[in-house]
Amino acid sequence: MASYELIVEKQQPDCGGKDPRVLEFQSVETADPVEYVRGLHPNMELDVEQKSNGELVIAVGEGMKRIRYCFTED
C-alpha cells in the first residue's frame, strides 16, 4: 500500500456569500486510489485524470454535486 495526501473538494451551491467549495485534507493508505474512490461511490461514474506533476484527480457527480479527489503520493 502507498500513502497519499488527499484533498477532497466538494462543490456546494452559492448561498449567503459562502465559498462554493469545501476542502478537506486527509492522509490515506491505499493500493489503488481509483478503487478507494469507487468504494465511496459504488454506483457513480468516475472521471480519472493523471496530471503531469504526478497528482491523480478523480471526479464524481455532476454540476453542483461534483466531488474531486486529488491524490498526491507521500
C-alpha atoms as a PDB file:
ATOM      1  CA  MET A   1       0.000   0.000   0.000  1.00  0.00           C
ATOM      2  CA  ALA A   2       1.072   3.547  -0.685  1.00  0.00           C
ATOM      3  CA  SER A   3       0.470   6.643   1.433  1.00  0.00           C
ATOM      4  CA  TYR A   4      -1.232   9.627  -0.168  1.00  0.00           C
ATOM      5  CA  GLU A   5      -2.119  13.170   0.752  1.00  0.00           C
ATOM      6  CA  LEU A   6      -5.748  13.509  -0.308  1.00  0.00           C
ATOM      7  CA  ILE A   7      -7.593  16.746  -0.955  1.00  0.00           C
ATOM      8  CA  VAL A   8     -11.368  16.324  -1.238  1.00  0.00           C
ATOM      9  CA  GLU A   9     -13.022  19.269  -2.988  1.00  0.00           C
ATOM     10  CA  LYS A  10     -16.814  19.379  -2.705  1.00  0.00           C
ATOM     11  CA  GLN A  11     -18.921  21.818  -4.713  1.00  0.00           C
ATOM     12  CA  GLN A  12     -21.916  23.360  -2.999  1.00  0.00           C
ATOM     13  CA  PRO A  13     -24.477  25.903  -4.212  1.00  0.00           C
ATOM     14  CA  ASP A  14     -23.619  29.580  -3.710  1.00  0.00           C
ATOM     15  CA  CYS A  15     -25.505  30.582  -0.596  1.00  0.00           C
ATOM     16  CA  GLY A  16     -25.233  33.563   1.713  1.00  0.00           C
ATOM     17  CA  GLY A  17     -21.796  34.602   0.484  1.00  0.00           C
ATOM     18  CA  LYS A  18     -20.173  31.283   1.398  1.00  0.00           C
ATOM     19  CA  ASP A  19     -17.388  29.882  -0.771  1.00  0.00           C
ATOM     20  CA  PRO A  20     -18.959  27.326  -3.141  1.00  0.00           C
ATOM     21  CA  ARG A  21     -16.043  24.946  -2.500  1.00  0.00           C
ATOM     22  CA  VAL A  22     -15.414  22.975   0.665  1.00  0.00           C
ATOM     23  CA  LEU A  23     -11.921  21.475   1.008  1.00  0.00           C
ATOM     24  CA  GLU A  24     -10.948  18.578   3.273  1.00  0.00           C
ATOM     25  CA  PHE A  25      -7.355  17.396   3.740  1.00  0.00           C
ATOM     26  CA  GLN A  26      -6.671  13.761   4.642  1.00  0.00           C
ATOM     27  CA  SER A  27      -3.889  11.192   4.721  1.00  0.00           C
ATOM     28  CA  VAL A  28      -4.875   7.805   3.305  1.00  0.00           C
ATOM     29  CA  GLU A  29      -3.198   4.484   2.616  1.00  0.00           C
ATOM     30  CA  THR A  30      -4.450   2.504  -0.357  1.00  0.00           C
ATOM     31  CA  ALA A  31      -3.127   0.168  -3.025  1.00  0.00           C
ATOM     32  CA  ASP A  32      -5.368   1.785  -5.665  1.00  0.00           C
ATOM     33  CA  PRO A  33      -6.805   5.327  -5.375  1.00  0.00           C
ATOM     34  CA  VAL A  34      -9.420   4.624  -8.074  1.00  0.00           C
ATOM     35  CA  GLU A  35     -10.762   1.622  -6.154  1.00  0.00           C
ATOM     36  CA  TYR A  36     -10.672   3.697  -2.947  1.00  0.00           C
ATOM     37  CA  VAL A  37     -12.994   6.311  -4.507  1.00  0.00           C
ATOM     38  CA  ARG A  38     -15.118   3.634  -6.215  1.00  0.00           C
ATOM     39  CA  GLY A  39     -15.711   2.154  -2.751  1.00  0.00           C
ATOM     40  CA  LEU A  40     -17.064   5.530  -1.587  1.00  0.00           C
ATOM     41  CA  HIS A  41     -19.299   5.963  -4.664  1.00  0.00           C
ATOM     42  CA  PRO A  42     -20.075   2.449  -5.993  1.00  0.00           C
ATOM     43  CA  ASN A  43     -22.882   3.453  -8.372  1.00  0.00           C
ATOM     44  CA  MET A  44     -21.320   6.560  -9.913  1.00  0.00           C
ATOM     45  CA  GLU A  45     -19.147   7.040 -12.973  1.00  0.00           C
ATOM     46  CA  LEU A  46     -15.606   8.208 -12.221  1.00  0.00           C
ATOM     47  CA  ASP A  47     -13.560  10.629 -14.322  1.00  0.00           C
ATOM     48  CA  VAL A  48      -9.849   9.900 -13.812  1.00  0.00           C
ATOM     49  CA  GLU A  49      -7.011  12.247 -14.821  1.00  0.00           C
ATOM     50  CA  GLN A  50      -3.283  11.729 -14.228  1.00  0.00           C
ATOM     51  CA  LYS A  51      -1.574  15.149 -14.097  1.00  0.00           C
ATOM     52  CA  SER A  52       1.972  15.702 -15.359  1.00  0.00           C
ATOM     53  CA  ASN A  53       3.076  16.615 -11.811  1.00  0.00           C
ATOM     54  CA  GLY A  54       2.085  13.132 -10.579  1.00  0.00           C
ATOM     55  CA  GLU A  55      -1.215  14.152  -9.000  1.00  0.00           C
ATOM     56  CA  LEU A  56      -4.138  11.793  -9.648  1.00  0.00           C
ATOM     57  CA  VAL A  57      -7.524  13.538  -9.844  1.00  0.00           C
ATOM     58  CA  ILE A  58     -10.727  11.503  -9.629  1.00  0.00           C
ATOM     59  CA  ALA A  59     -14.044  13.323 -10.070  1.00  0.00           C
ATOM     60  CA  VAL A  60     -17.562  12.043  -9.408  1.00  0.00           C
ATOM     61  CA  GLY A  61     -21.001  13.620  -9.728  1.00  0.00           C
ATOM     62  CA  GLU A  62     -22.411  16.373 -11.896  1.00  0.00           C
ATOM     63  CA  GLY A  63     -22.955  20.111 -11.698  1.00  0.00           C
ATOM     64  CA  MET A  64     -23.047  21.484  -8.169  1.00  0.00           C
ATOM     65  CA  LYS A  65     -22.881  17.976  -6.682  1.00  0.00           C
ATOM     66  CA  ARG A  66     -19.395  17.323  -8.055  1.00  0.00           C
ATOM     67  CA  ILE A  67     -16.637  15.985  -5.795  1.00  0.00           C
ATOM     68  CA  ARG A  68     -12.957  15.908  -6.775  1.00  0.00           C
ATOM     69  CA  TYR A  69     -10.442  13.646  -5.034  1.00  0.00           C
ATOM     70  CA  CYS A  70      -6.845  14.790  -5.597  1.00  0.00           C
ATOM     71  CA  PHE A  71      -4.219  12.200  -4.604  1.00  0.00           C
ATOM     72  CA  THR A  72      -0.525  13.045  -4.221  1.00  0.00           C
ATOM     73  CA  GLU A  73       1.789  10.229  -3.170  1.00  0.00           C
ATOM     74  CA  ASP A  74       3.788  10.928   0.024  1.00  0.00           C
END
